């Protein structure tokens, strides 16, 4: 197996675009649903989340894999912290 050169790594790093878009879409839709959004709000959340994830993925290609991983961790943590109150409210409604 051949070890990739620096410019070859940059060429194959484009997968972050679609993975970022998928994660952003899930986060955006989930956030809209948690905040009792209607179907239109959820669709807009999915669309803007996907767009943000796609653009963020494009920016992350500039940095190394470690920077991408830490950026994803920060993004996921931000999603949880931002939606903590609605999550707790939804859980309390079910009990």
Foldseek 3Di string as FASTA:
>chain_A
DDDDDPVVLLVPLLVQLQVQLVVQLVLQLVLCVLVVHDPVSSVVRNVVRSVVRNVVSVVCSVDDPVVVVVVVVVVVVVSCVVSVVSVVVVVVVVD
